[in-house]
Amino acid sequence: IQTILNFSIRNSLYFNRGQQKYSTTYTYGTSENKQQFLIGNQEVDTKNHQVEFVHRVGKFWLIDLLGKISDNDLQTENFANRNYEIDEFEVRPKISYEANSNHRFSAFYQLKNKENQLQDFEELRQQKLGIEYFYTGKEKAQFNATFNAFFNDFTGDSNSPVGFQMLEGLQAGTNYTWTLLWNQKLNSFLNLNINYRGRKSENVRTIHTGSVQLRAVF
């Protein structure tokens, strides 16, 4: 027997929305998820505040600045080692070069700090560098390529449930991820999607995953 309760609110306040001219957005979000199992109850609460500033410089350059603070809590009735109260702070400056409407190249730096306020008081200081290329073709094709480097300074047990949550599935130390996505509209109702993802962590073999999907829309 399982009982689930979901509740979420998301509100945004805009200035110059969509104009890319000192455009500023403040977003507040909160969500609660409660699940009742035979082995005990579990409750997840999330609250976040986010501010994003977007401004176009000249004809080709776009600046995107993001700041975010959030609280993520998990409470379980019978598994205390899984409980956490994580305070998170994030900043991410990003710059994009748009040669035209079909090509966009972006680079960004992200700094993220996480602190668990329960039990072992795990801490994470993560720096992330990323580049992205996006192409929209005239023949109804889209191509997206990304490469990210993560530098995780983590204090705690990275193999614990809390460590896995804070590291978001990555490992302590240096990590790399990359993706290649291709979408092609073959005709009025057929779409072809090709997806490739890779990941490399310290002392861990490179992981490759891929998929091909042919979708018909009637």
N, C-alpha and C. Protein backbone atom coordinates (compact mmCIF):
# COMPACT_ATOMS: atom_id res chain seq x y z
N ILE A 1 0.85 -1.18 0.00
CA ILE A 1 0.00 0.00 0.00
C ILE A 1 0.89 1.24 0.00
N GLN A 2 0.55 2.21 -0.87
CA GLN A 2 1.34 3.42 -0.95
C GLN A 2 0.42 4.63 -1.14
N THR A 3 0.66 5.67 -0.34
CA THR A 3 -0.10 6.91 -0.44
C THR A 3 0.87 8.04 -0.78
N ILE A 4 0.52 8.86 -1.79
CA ILE A 4 1.41 9.92 -2.26
C ILE A 4 0.66 11.25 -2.23
N LEU A 5 1.33 12.29 -1.73
CA LEU A 5 0.80 13.65 -1.74
C LEU A 5 1.85 14.57 -2.34
N ASN A 6 1.49 15.28 -3.42
CA ASN A 6 2.40 16.22 -4.06
C ASN A 6 1.79 17.62 -4.00
N PHE A 7 2.66 18.60 -3.69
CA PHE A 7 2.22 19.99 -3.63
C PHE A 7 3.37 20.87 -4.12
N SER A 8 3.08 21.80 -5.01
CA SER A 8 4.13 22.68 -5.50
C SER A 8 3.58 24.04 -5.90
N ILE A 9 4.40 25.08 -5.70
CA ILE A 9 4.07 26.45 -6.10
C ILE A 9 5.31 27.03 -6.76
N ARG A 10 5.11 27.74 -7.86
CA ARG A 10 6.19 28.41 -8.56
C ARG A 10 5.68 29.75 -9.07
N ASN A 11 6.30 30.83 -8.59
CA ASN A 11 5.92 32.18 -8.99
C ASN A 11 7.13 32.92 -9.52
N SER A 12 6.92 33.74 -10.57
CA SER A 12 8.00 34.51 -11.17
C SER A 12 7.59 35.96 -11.33
N LEU A 13 8.54 36.86 -11.14
CA LEU A 13 8.35 38.29 -11.33
C LEU A 13 9.34 38.75 -12.39
N TYR A 14 8.85 39.41 -13.46
CA TYR A 14 9.68 39.72 -14.62
C TYR A 14 9.87 41.23 -14.78
N PHE A 15 11.01 41.57 -15.40
CA PHE A 15 11.27 42.91 -15.90
C PHE A 15 11.84 42.78 -17.31
N ASN A 16 11.20 43.43 -18.28
CA ASN A 16 11.60 43.31 -19.68
C ASN A 16 11.66 41.85 -20.14
N ARG A 17 10.61 41.15 -19.87
CA ARG A 17 10.56 39.72 -20.17
C ARG A 17 10.75 39.45 -21.66
N GLY A 18 11.70 38.56 -21.98
CA GLY A 18 11.92 38.12 -23.34
C GLY A 18 12.56 39.14 -24.27
N GLN A 19 12.94 40.30 -23.75
CA GLN A 19 13.49 41.34 -24.62
C GLN A 19 15.01 41.32 -24.71
N GLN A 20 15.67 40.58 -23.82
CA GLN A 20 17.13 40.50 -23.80
C GLN A 20 17.76 41.88 -23.68
N LYS A 21 17.10 42.76 -22.96
CA LYS A 21 17.58 44.11 -22.69
C LYS A 21 17.40 44.37 -21.20
N TYR A 22 18.46 44.09 -20.41
CA TYR A 22 18.38 44.17 -18.96
C TYR A 22 17.22 43.32 -18.42
N SER A 23 16.93 42.22 -19.07
CA SER A 23 15.83 41.36 -18.64
C SER A 23 16.18 40.68 -17.33
N THR A 24 15.28 40.79 -16.37
CA THR A 24 15.52 40.24 -15.03
C THR A 24 14.31 39.43 -14.60
N THR A 25 14.56 38.26 -14.04
CA THR A 25 13.49 37.38 -13.57
C THR A 25 13.81 36.89 -12.17
N TYR A 26 12.88 37.09 -11.25
CA TYR A 26 12.98 36.52 -9.90
C TYR A 26 11.95 35.39 -9.79
N THR A 27 12.40 34.22 -9.35
CA THR A 27 11.52 33.07 -9.26
C THR A 27 11.59 32.48 -7.86
N TYR A 28 10.43 32.22 -7.30
CA TYR A 28 10.33 31.52 -6.01
C TYR A 28 9.57 30.22 -6.23
N GLY A 29 10.12 29.15 -5.70
CA GLY A 29 9.47 27.86 -5.84
C GLY A 29 9.50 27.06 -4.54
N THR A 30 8.45 26.33 -4.29
CA THR A 30 8.40 25.44 -3.14
C THR A 30 7.62 24.19 -3.52
N SER A 31 8.05 23.06 -3.01
CA SER A 31 7.35 21.81 -3.30
C SER A 31 7.46 20.87 -2.11
N GLU A 32 6.44 20.03 -1.96
CA GLU A 32 6.41 19.02 -0.92
C GLU A 32 5.94 17.71 -1.53
N ASN A 33 6.61 16.64 -1.16
CA ASN A 33 6.24 15.31 -1.61
C ASN A 33 6.22 14.39 -0.41
N LYS A 34 5.06 13.84 -0.12
CA LYS A 34 4.91 12.93 1.02
C LYS A 34 4.46 11.57 0.50
N GLN A 35 5.16 10.53 0.94
CA GLN A 35 4.82 9.16 0.54
C GLN A 35 4.72 8.29 1.79
N GLN A 36 3.67 7.51 1.84
CA GLN A 36 3.44 6.61 2.98
C GLN A 36 3.58 5.18 2.51
N PHE A 37 4.57 4.47 3.09
CA PHE A 37 4.83 3.07 2.76
C PHE A 37 4.54 2.21 3.99
N LEU A 38 4.49 0.90 3.77
CA LEU A 38 4.36 -0.02 4.89
C LEU A 38 5.58 0.03 5.80
N ILE A 39 6.76 0.37 5.21
CA ILE A 39 8.00 0.41 6.00
C ILE A 39 8.23 1.77 6.64
N GLY A 40 7.32 2.72 6.43
CA GLY A 40 7.46 4.03 7.05
C GLY A 40 7.19 5.16 6.07
N ASN A 41 7.12 6.36 6.59
CA ASN A 41 6.81 7.53 5.79
C ASN A 41 8.08 8.22 5.29
N GLN A 42 7.94 8.95 4.18
CA GLN A 42 9.04 9.73 3.62
C GLN A 42 8.50 11.06 3.14
N GLU A 43 9.23 12.12 3.47
CA GLU A 43 8.79 13.46 3.08
C GLU A 43 9.96 14.25 2.51
N VAL A 44 9.76 14.86 1.33
CA VAL A 44 10.77 15.68 0.67
C VAL A 44 10.23 17.10 0.53
N ASP A 45 10.98 18.08 1.05
CA ASP A 45 10.60 19.49 0.96
C ASP A 45 11.71 20.26 0.25
N THR A 46 11.33 21.12 -0.68
CA THR A 46 12.29 21.92 -1.43
C THR A 46 11.80 23.36 -1.51
N LYS A 47 12.70 24.30 -1.25
CA LYS A 47 12.40 25.73 -1.39
C LYS A 47 13.58 26.38 -2.10
N ASN A 48 13.31 27.29 -3.04
CA ASN A 48 14.40 27.96 -3.73
C ASN A 48 14.02 29.37 -4.15
N HIS A 49 15.03 30.24 -4.18
CA HIS A 49 14.92 31.60 -4.68
C HIS A 49 15.96 31.75 -5.79
N GLN A 50 15.54 32.28 -6.93
CA GLN A 50 16.44 32.40 -8.06
C GLN A 50 16.27 33.75 -8.76
N VAL A 51 17.41 34.36 -9.12
CA VAL A 51 17.41 35.61 -9.88
C VAL A 51 18.25 35.39 -11.13
N GLU A 52 17.70 35.75 -12.30
CA GLU A 52 18.41 35.61 -13.56
C GLU A 52 18.37 36.93 -14.33
N PHE A 53 19.53 37.34 -14.82
CA PHE A 53 19.67 38.59 -15.56
C PHE A 53 20.21 38.28 -16.95
N VAL A 54 19.52 38.77 -17.99
CA VAL A 54 19.90 38.51 -19.38
C VAL A 54 20.01 39.85 -20.11
N HIS A 55 21.13 40.05 -20.82
CA HIS A 55 21.32 41.31 -21.54
C HIS A 55 22.15 41.07 -22.80
N ARG A 56 21.68 41.61 -23.92
CA ARG A 56 22.40 41.48 -25.18
C ARG A 56 23.36 42.65 -25.35
N VAL A 57 24.62 42.32 -25.68
CA VAL A 57 25.65 43.33 -25.91
C VAL A 57 26.00 43.31 -27.39
N GLY A 58 25.73 44.41 -28.07
CA GLY A 58 25.97 44.44 -29.50
C GLY A 58 25.01 43.52 -30.22
N LYS A 59 25.44 43.01 -31.36
CA LYS A 59 24.57 42.19 -32.20
C LYS A 59 24.72 40.70 -31.92
N PHE A 60 25.89 40.29 -31.45
CA PHE A 60 26.17 38.85 -31.40
C PHE A 60 26.31 38.28 -29.99
N TRP A 61 26.50 39.11 -28.97
CA TRP A 61 26.84 38.60 -27.64
C TRP A 61 25.65 38.68 -26.70
N LEU A 62 25.49 37.63 -25.89
CA LEU A 62 24.41 37.57 -24.91
C LEU A 62 25.00 37.17 -23.56
N ILE A 63 24.72 37.98 -22.54
CA ILE A 63 25.20 37.71 -21.19
C ILE A 63 24.03 37.21 -20.34
N ASP A 64 24.28 36.13 -19.60
CA ASP A 64 23.25 35.51 -18.76
C ASP A 64 23.88 35.25 -17.39
N LEU A 65 23.37 35.93 -16.36
CA LEU A 65 23.86 35.77 -14.99
C LEU A 65 22.75 35.17 -14.13
N LEU A 66 23.09 34.12 -13.38
CA LEU A 66 22.09 33.44 -12.55
C LEU A 66 22.62 33.26 -11.14
N GLY A 67 21.76 33.51 -10.16
CA GLY A 67 22.07 33.26 -8.75
C GLY A 67 20.91 32.53 -8.09
N LYS A 68 21.23 31.58 -7.22
CA LYS A 68 20.17 30.75 -6.64
C LYS A 68 20.55 30.28 -5.25
N ILE A 69 19.59 30.31 -4.35
CA ILE A 69 19.75 29.70 -3.03
C ILE A 69 18.56 28.76 -2.82
N SER A 70 18.81 27.63 -2.18
CA SER A 70 17.73 26.66 -2.00
C SER A 70 17.97 25.83 -0.75
N ASP A 71 16.88 25.24 -0.26
CA ASP A 71 16.90 24.30 0.86
C ASP A 71 16.22 23.02 0.40
N ASN A 72 16.92 21.88 0.59
CA ASN A 72 16.39 20.58 0.19
C ASN A 72 16.42 19.65 1.40
N ASP A 73 15.25 19.20 1.82
CA ASP A 73 15.15 18.37 3.02
C ASP A 73 14.50 17.03 2.70
N LEU A 74 15.05 15.97 3.31
CA LEU A 74 14.45 14.64 3.22
C LEU A 74 14.34 14.07 4.62
N GLN A 75 13.13 13.64 4.98
CA GLN A 75 12.89 13.02 6.28
C GLN A 75 12.24 11.66 6.07
N THR A 76 12.90 10.62 6.56
CA THR A 76 12.34 9.27 6.51
C THR A 76 12.09 8.79 7.93
N GLU A 77 11.10 7.95 8.07
CA GLU A 77 10.68 7.53 9.40
C GLU A 77 11.61 6.49 10.02
N ASN A 78 12.14 5.58 9.19
CA ASN A 78 12.91 4.46 9.73
C ASN A 78 14.32 4.33 9.19
N PHE A 79 14.79 5.31 8.37
CA PHE A 79 16.13 5.25 7.78
C PHE A 79 16.84 6.57 8.02
N ALA A 80 17.32 6.74 9.25
CA ALA A 80 17.92 8.02 9.64
C ALA A 80 19.15 8.36 8.81
N ASN A 81 19.88 7.34 8.33
CA ASN A 81 21.10 7.61 7.56
C ASN A 81 20.80 8.22 6.19
N ARG A 82 19.54 8.21 5.78
CA ARG A 82 19.16 8.79 4.50
C ARG A 82 18.66 10.22 4.63
N ASN A 83 18.44 10.68 5.86
CA ASN A 83 17.89 12.01 6.08
C ASN A 83 18.94 13.09 5.80
N TYR A 84 18.48 14.22 5.30
CA TYR A 84 19.38 15.34 5.08
C TYR A 84 18.61 16.67 5.09
N GLU A 85 19.34 17.73 5.39
CA GLU A 85 18.86 19.11 5.25
C GLU A 85 19.98 19.88 4.57
N ILE A 86 19.89 20.03 3.26
CA ILE A 86 20.97 20.58 2.46
C ILE A 86 20.67 22.03 2.09
N ASP A 87 21.56 22.93 2.53
CA ASP A 87 21.51 24.33 2.12
C ASP A 87 22.43 24.50 0.91
N GLU A 88 21.91 25.15 -0.13
CA GLU A 88 22.66 25.25 -1.38
C GLU A 88 22.72 26.69 -1.87
N PHE A 89 23.89 27.06 -2.38
CA PHE A 89 24.11 28.38 -2.98
C PHE A 89 24.76 28.19 -4.34
N GLU A 90 24.29 28.91 -5.35
CA GLU A 90 24.80 28.72 -6.72
C GLU A 90 24.87 30.05 -7.45
N VAL A 91 25.97 30.26 -8.18
CA VAL A 91 26.09 31.39 -9.10
C VAL A 91 26.61 30.84 -10.43
N ARG A 92 26.11 31.42 -11.55
CA ARG A 92 26.52 30.93 -12.86
C ARG A 92 26.51 32.05 -13.90
N PRO A 93 27.67 32.63 -14.20
CA PRO A 93 27.76 33.56 -15.33
C PRO A 93 27.94 32.78 -16.63
N LYS A 94 27.26 33.25 -17.68
CA LYS A 94 27.29 32.57 -18.98
C LYS A 94 27.34 33.60 -20.09
N ILE A 95 28.13 33.34 -21.10
CA ILE A 95 28.21 34.21 -22.26
C ILE A 95 28.00 33.40 -23.52
N SER A 96 27.21 33.94 -24.44
CA SER A 96 26.88 33.24 -25.68
C SER A 96 27.20 34.12 -26.88
N TYR A 97 27.68 33.48 -27.94
CA TYR A 97 27.93 34.14 -29.21
C TYR A 97 26.96 33.58 -30.24
N GLU A 98 26.15 34.44 -30.83
CA GLU A 98 25.15 34.02 -31.79
C GLU A 98 25.49 34.64 -33.15
N ALA A 99 26.11 33.86 -34.01
CA ALA A 99 26.48 34.36 -35.34
C ALA A 99 25.24 34.70 -36.15
N ASN A 100 24.21 33.86 -36.01
CA ASN A 100 22.91 34.10 -36.63
C ASN A 100 21.89 33.26 -35.87
N SER A 101 20.68 33.20 -36.38
CA SER A 101 19.62 32.48 -35.69
C SER A 101 19.83 30.96 -35.71
N ASN A 102 20.78 30.48 -36.54
CA ASN A 102 20.98 29.03 -36.66
C ASN A 102 22.13 28.50 -35.80
N HIS A 103 23.05 29.37 -35.40
CA HIS A 103 24.23 28.93 -34.68
C HIS A 103 24.36 29.70 -33.36
N ARG A 104 24.63 28.96 -32.28
CA ARG A 104 24.90 29.60 -30.99
C ARG A 104 25.99 28.82 -30.26
N PHE A 105 27.00 29.54 -29.80
CA PHE A 105 28.08 28.94 -29.02
C PHE A 105 28.10 29.61 -27.65
N SER A 106 28.15 28.80 -26.57
CA SER A 106 28.08 29.33 -25.20
C SER A 106 29.19 28.75 -24.34
N ALA A 107 29.61 29.54 -23.36
CA ALA A 107 30.58 29.09 -22.36
C ALA A 107 30.13 29.64 -21.01
N PHE A 108 30.33 28.85 -19.95
CA PHE A 108 29.89 29.30 -18.64
C PHE A 108 30.78 28.73 -17.54
N TYR A 109 30.68 29.39 -16.38
CA TYR A 109 31.33 28.93 -15.16
C TYR A 109 30.27 28.88 -14.07
N GLN A 110 30.26 27.80 -13.30
CA GLN A 110 29.28 27.66 -12.23
C GLN A 110 29.97 27.30 -10.92
N LEU A 111 29.61 28.00 -9.88
CA LEU A 111 30.10 27.71 -8.53
C LEU A 111 28.91 27.33 -7.67
N LYS A 112 29.02 26.17 -7.04
CA LYS A 112 27.92 25.67 -6.21
C LYS A 112 28.46 25.18 -4.88
N ASN A 113 27.85 25.63 -3.80
CA ASN A 113 28.19 25.18 -2.45
C ASN A 113 26.99 24.49 -1.82
N LYS A 114 27.23 23.33 -1.21
CA LYS A 114 26.18 22.61 -0.51
C LYS A 114 26.66 22.22 0.88
N GLU A 115 25.79 22.36 1.88
CA GLU A 115 26.11 21.97 3.25
C GLU A 115 24.93 21.22 3.84
N ASN A 116 25.20 20.02 4.37
CA ASN A 116 24.18 19.24 5.04
C ASN A 116 24.18 19.61 6.52
N GLN A 117 23.01 19.92 7.05
CA GLN A 117 22.90 20.37 8.44
C GLN A 117 22.58 19.24 9.41
N LEU A 118 22.62 17.99 8.94
CA LEU A 118 22.31 16.85 9.80
C LEU A 118 23.48 15.87 9.88
N GLN A 119 23.55 15.13 10.95
CA GLN A 119 24.42 13.97 11.16
C GLN A 119 25.89 14.25 10.84
N ASP A 120 26.38 13.83 9.68
CA ASP A 120 27.80 13.94 9.36
C ASP A 120 28.20 15.29 8.78
N PHE A 121 27.24 16.17 8.56
CA PHE A 121 27.52 17.55 8.10
C PHE A 121 28.42 17.56 6.86
N GLU A 122 28.03 16.82 5.86
CA GLU A 122 28.79 16.78 4.60
C GLU A 122 28.80 18.17 3.94
N GLU A 123 29.89 18.44 3.22
CA GLU A 123 30.03 19.71 2.50
C GLU A 123 30.55 19.46 1.09
N LEU A 124 30.05 20.26 0.15
CA LEU A 124 30.50 20.17 -1.24
C LEU A 124 30.75 21.57 -1.78
N ARG A 125 31.93 21.75 -2.35
CA ARG A 125 32.23 22.95 -3.13
C ARG A 125 32.52 22.48 -4.55
N GLN A 126 31.62 22.83 -5.45
CA GLN A 126 31.71 22.36 -6.83
C GLN A 126 31.94 23.52 -7.79
N GLN A 127 32.96 23.37 -8.63
CA GLN A 127 33.19 24.31 -9.72
C GLN A 127 32.95 23.56 -11.03
N LYS A 128 32.25 24.22 -11.93
CA LYS A 128 31.88 23.59 -13.19
C LYS A 128 32.18 24.54 -14.35
N LEU A 129 32.88 24.01 -15.34
CA LEU A 129 33.16 24.75 -16.57
C LEU A 129 32.47 24.03 -17.71
N GLY A 130 31.80 24.78 -18.58
CA GLY A 130 31.07 24.13 -19.65
C GLY A 130 31.06 24.94 -20.93
N ILE A 131 30.98 24.23 -22.05
CA ILE A 131 30.80 24.84 -23.35
C ILE A 131 29.66 24.12 -24.06
N GLU A 132 28.97 24.85 -24.93
CA GLU A 132 27.82 24.28 -25.62
C GLU A 132 27.71 24.88 -27.02
N TYR A 133 27.35 24.04 -27.97
CA TYR A 133 27.10 24.50 -29.33
C TYR A 133 25.72 24.02 -29.74
N PHE A 134 24.93 24.94 -30.31
CA PHE A 134 23.58 24.61 -30.73
C PHE A 134 23.38 25.05 -32.17
N TYR A 135 22.83 24.16 -32.99
CA TYR A 135 22.63 24.44 -34.41
C TYR A 135 21.20 24.07 -34.81
N THR A 136 20.56 24.96 -35.52
CA THR A 136 19.24 24.70 -36.09
C THR A 136 19.36 24.79 -37.61
N GLY A 137 19.12 23.68 -38.29
CA GLY A 137 19.29 23.65 -39.74
C GLY A 137 18.04 24.07 -40.49
N LYS A 138 18.22 24.40 -41.73
CA LYS A 138 17.10 24.79 -42.57
C LYS A 138 16.25 23.59 -42.97
N GLU A 139 16.83 22.41 -42.89
CA GLU A 139 16.11 21.19 -43.27
C GLU A 139 15.46 20.53 -42.06
N LYS A 140 14.97 21.34 -41.13
CA LYS A 140 14.25 20.86 -39.96
C LYS A 140 15.10 19.93 -39.11
N ALA A 141 16.37 20.30 -38.95
CA ALA A 141 17.30 19.51 -38.13
C ALA A 141 17.82 20.37 -36.98
N GLN A 142 18.11 19.72 -35.87
CA GLN A 142 18.69 20.38 -34.70
C GLN A 142 19.84 19.54 -34.18
N PHE A 143 20.93 20.21 -33.82
CA PHE A 143 22.10 19.54 -33.28
C PHE A 143 22.58 20.29 -32.05
N ASN A 144 22.90 19.54 -30.98
CA ASN A 144 23.36 20.14 -29.74
C ASN A 144 24.53 19.33 -29.19
N ALA A 145 25.63 20.01 -28.87
CA ALA A 145 26.82 19.36 -28.31
C ALA A 145 27.24 20.12 -27.06
N THR A 146 27.53 19.40 -25.98
CA THR A 146 27.97 20.03 -24.73
C THR A 146 29.15 19.26 -24.14
N PHE A 147 29.98 19.99 -23.44
CA PHE A 147 31.09 19.38 -22.69
C PHE A 147 31.21 20.12 -21.36
N ASN A 148 31.27 19.35 -20.25
CA ASN A 148 31.35 19.93 -18.92
C ASN A 148 32.48 19.30 -18.13
N ALA A 149 33.16 20.11 -17.35
CA ALA A 149 34.18 19.64 -16.41
C ALA A 149 33.76 20.05 -15.00
N PHE A 150 33.71 19.07 -14.09
CA PHE A 150 33.32 19.30 -12.71
C PHE A 150 34.53 19.09 -11.81
N PHE A 151 34.71 19.99 -10.85
CA PHE A 151 35.77 19.87 -9.86
C PHE A 151 35.11 19.88 -8.49
N ASN A 152 34.95 18.68 -7.91
CA ASN A 152 34.19 18.50 -6.68
C ASN A 152 35.11 18.35 -5.48
N ASP A 153 35.06 19.33 -4.59
CA ASP A 153 35.76 19.26 -3.31
C ASP A 153 34.72 18.84 -2.26
N PHE A 154 34.71 17.54 -1.93
CA PHE A 154 33.65 16.99 -1.10
C PHE A 154 34.21 16.49 0.22
N THR A 155 33.53 16.82 1.32
CA THR A 155 33.88 16.35 2.65
C THR A 155 32.76 15.44 3.14
N GLY A 156 33.08 14.16 3.36
CA GLY A 156 32.07 13.19 3.78
C GLY A 156 32.24 11.89 3.01
N ASP A 157 31.27 10.99 3.16
CA ASP A 157 31.29 9.71 2.48
C ASP A 157 30.53 9.84 1.16
N SER A 158 31.26 9.83 0.04
CA SER A 158 30.62 10.02 -1.25
C SER A 158 29.75 8.84 -1.66
N ASN A 159 29.92 7.67 -0.99
CA ASN A 159 29.13 6.49 -1.33
C ASN A 159 27.86 6.35 -0.50
N SER A 160 27.63 7.29 0.41
CA SER A 160 26.43 7.26 1.24
C SER A 160 25.25 7.83 0.45
N PRO A 161 24.01 7.56 0.90
CA PRO A 161 22.85 8.14 0.22
C PRO A 161 22.89 9.67 0.19
N VAL A 162 23.36 10.29 1.27
CA VAL A 162 23.45 11.75 1.31
C VAL A 162 24.54 12.24 0.36
N GLY A 163 25.68 11.54 0.33
CA GLY A 163 26.76 11.92 -0.57
C GLY A 163 26.34 11.81 -2.03
N PHE A 164 25.61 10.75 -2.37
CA PHE A 164 25.12 10.58 -3.74
C PHE A 164 24.19 11.72 -4.12
N GLN A 165 23.33 12.12 -3.19
CA GLN A 165 22.39 13.22 -3.45
C GLN A 165 23.14 14.53 -3.68
N MET A 166 24.13 14.82 -2.84
CA MET A 166 24.84 16.09 -2.94
C MET A 166 25.71 16.15 -4.20
N LEU A 167 26.31 15.02 -4.57
CA LEU A 167 27.16 14.98 -5.75
C LEU A 167 26.38 14.78 -7.05
N GLU A 168 25.09 14.54 -6.92
CA GLU A 168 24.20 14.37 -8.07
C GLU A 168 24.69 13.26 -9.00
N GLY A 169 25.14 12.16 -8.38
CA GLY A 169 25.57 11.00 -9.15
C GLY A 169 27.00 11.03 -9.63
N LEU A 170 27.71 12.15 -9.42
CA LEU A 170 29.11 12.25 -9.81
C LEU A 170 30.01 11.75 -8.68
N GLN A 171 31.32 11.83 -8.87
CA GLN A 171 32.29 11.40 -7.88
C GLN A 171 33.04 12.61 -7.33
N ALA A 172 33.62 12.45 -6.14
CA ALA A 172 34.51 13.48 -5.62
C ALA A 172 35.72 13.60 -6.54
N GLY A 173 36.27 14.80 -6.63
CA GLY A 173 37.41 15.03 -7.52
C GLY A 173 36.95 15.57 -8.86
N THR A 174 37.66 15.19 -9.92
CA THR A 174 37.40 15.72 -11.26
C THR A 174 36.50 14.78 -12.06
N ASN A 175 35.49 15.35 -12.69
CA ASN A 175 34.55 14.60 -13.52
C ASN A 175 34.36 15.32 -14.85
N TYR A 176 34.09 14.53 -15.89
CA TYR A 176 33.79 15.10 -17.20
C TYR A 176 32.52 14.47 -17.74
N THR A 177 31.67 15.28 -18.36
CA THR A 177 30.49 14.76 -19.04
C THR A 177 30.38 15.44 -20.40
N TRP A 178 29.81 14.72 -21.37
CA TRP A 178 29.60 15.30 -22.69
C TRP A 178 28.38 14.66 -23.33
N THR A 179 27.72 15.42 -24.19
CA THR A 179 26.52 14.93 -24.86
C THR A 179 26.51 15.39 -26.32
N LEU A 180 25.91 14.55 -27.15
CA LEU A 180 25.65 14.88 -28.55
C LEU A 180 24.20 14.49 -28.84
N LEU A 181 23.42 15.45 -29.29
CA LEU A 181 22.01 15.21 -29.56
C LEU A 181 21.70 15.67 -30.98
N TRP A 182 21.01 14.82 -31.72
CA TRP A 182 20.62 15.16 -33.09
C TRP A 182 19.14 14.84 -33.27
N ASN A 183 18.40 15.82 -33.77
CA ASN A 183 16.98 15.64 -34.05
C ASN A 183 16.71 16.03 -35.49
N GLN A 184 16.10 15.14 -36.24
CA GLN A 184 15.82 15.38 -37.66
C GLN A 184 14.36 15.06 -37.94
N LYS A 185 13.64 16.03 -38.48
CA LYS A 185 12.27 15.79 -38.91
C LYS A 185 12.31 15.24 -40.32
N LEU A 186 11.94 13.96 -40.48
CA LEU A 186 12.07 13.30 -41.77
C LEU A 186 10.95 13.69 -42.73
N ASN A 187 9.76 13.82 -42.20
CA ASN A 187 8.62 14.27 -43.00
C ASN A 187 7.57 14.84 -42.06
N SER A 188 6.33 14.92 -42.51
CA SER A 188 5.30 15.58 -41.71
C SER A 188 4.93 14.85 -40.44
N PHE A 189 5.29 13.57 -40.32
CA PHE A 189 4.90 12.83 -39.11
C PHE A 189 6.01 11.97 -38.52
N LEU A 190 7.20 11.91 -39.13
CA LEU A 190 8.29 11.10 -38.60
C LEU A 190 9.44 11.99 -38.09
N ASN A 191 9.91 11.68 -36.87
CA ASN A 191 11.05 12.38 -36.28
C ASN A 191 12.11 11.38 -35.86
N LEU A 192 13.36 11.65 -36.20
CA LEU A 192 14.48 10.80 -35.81
C LEU A 192 15.31 11.50 -34.75
N ASN A 193 15.56 10.82 -33.62
CA ASN A 193 16.37 11.36 -32.53
C ASN A 193 17.54 10.43 -32.25
N ILE A 194 18.76 11.00 -32.26
CA ILE A 194 19.97 10.26 -31.92
C ILE A 194 20.60 10.93 -30.70
N ASN A 195 20.86 10.14 -29.66
CA ASN A 195 21.32 10.67 -28.38
C ASN A 195 22.55 9.90 -27.92
N TYR A 196 23.63 10.62 -27.65
CA TYR A 196 24.85 9.99 -27.11
C TYR A 196 25.32 10.78 -25.90
N ARG A 197 25.67 10.08 -24.81
CA ARG A 197 26.16 10.71 -23.59
C ARG A 197 27.39 9.96 -23.09
N GLY A 198 28.34 10.71 -22.55
CA GLY A 198 29.53 10.11 -21.97
C GLY A 198 29.86 10.72 -20.63
N ARG A 199 30.56 9.94 -19.79
CA ARG A 199 30.94 10.43 -18.46
C ARG A 199 32.24 9.77 -18.03
N LYS A 200 33.13 10.58 -17.43
CA LYS A 200 34.41 10.07 -16.94
C LYS A 200 34.70 10.69 -15.59
N SER A 201 35.02 9.84 -14.60
CA SER A 201 35.40 10.27 -13.27
C SER A 201 36.75 9.69 -12.91
N GLU A 202 37.37 10.23 -11.87
CA GLU A 202 38.66 9.73 -11.43
C GLU A 202 38.54 8.28 -10.98
N ASN A 203 39.48 7.45 -11.44
CA ASN A 203 39.55 6.03 -11.07
C ASN A 203 38.32 5.23 -11.47
N VAL A 204 37.56 5.76 -12.42
CA VAL A 204 36.37 5.05 -12.91
C VAL A 204 36.42 5.03 -14.43
N ARG A 205 36.10 3.89 -15.01
CA ARG A 205 36.13 3.77 -16.46
C ARG A 205 35.10 4.69 -17.11
N THR A 206 35.39 5.13 -18.32
CA THR A 206 34.47 5.99 -19.05
C THR A 206 33.18 5.23 -19.36
N ILE A 207 32.06 5.91 -19.16
CA ILE A 207 30.75 5.32 -19.39
C ILE A 207 30.14 5.97 -20.63
N HIS A 208 29.73 5.14 -21.58
CA HIS A 208 29.10 5.63 -22.80
C HIS A 208 27.67 5.09 -22.87
N THR A 209 26.73 5.96 -23.20
CA THR A 209 25.35 5.54 -23.41
C THR A 209 24.82 6.21 -24.66
N GLY A 210 23.96 5.52 -25.37
CA GLY A 210 23.40 6.08 -26.59
C GLY A 210 22.05 5.48 -26.90
N SER A 211 21.29 6.19 -27.70
CA SER A 211 19.98 5.70 -28.09
C SER A 211 19.59 6.30 -29.43
N VAL A 212 18.76 5.55 -30.15
CA VAL A 212 18.18 6.01 -31.42
C VAL A 212 16.67 5.82 -31.32
N GLN A 213 15.93 6.88 -31.64
CA GLN A 213 14.48 6.82 -31.53
C GLN A 213 13.84 7.35 -32.81
N LEU A 214 12.93 6.59 -33.32
CA LEU A 214 12.13 7.02 -34.47
C LEU A 214 10.70 7.17 -33.97
N ARG A 215 10.18 8.39 -34.04
CA ARG A 215 8.87 8.69 -33.46
C ARG A 215 7.90 9.14 -34.54
N ALA A 216 6.72 8.60 -34.50
CA ALA A 216 5.66 8.97 -35.44
C ALA A 216 4.60 9.78 -34.70
N VAL A 217 4.25 10.92 -35.25
CA VAL A 217 3.24 11.80 -34.67
C VAL A 217 2.05 11.85 -35.62
N PHE A 218 0.90 11.38 -35.16
CA PHE A 218 -0.28 11.34 -36.02
C PHE A 218 -1.23 12.49 -35.68
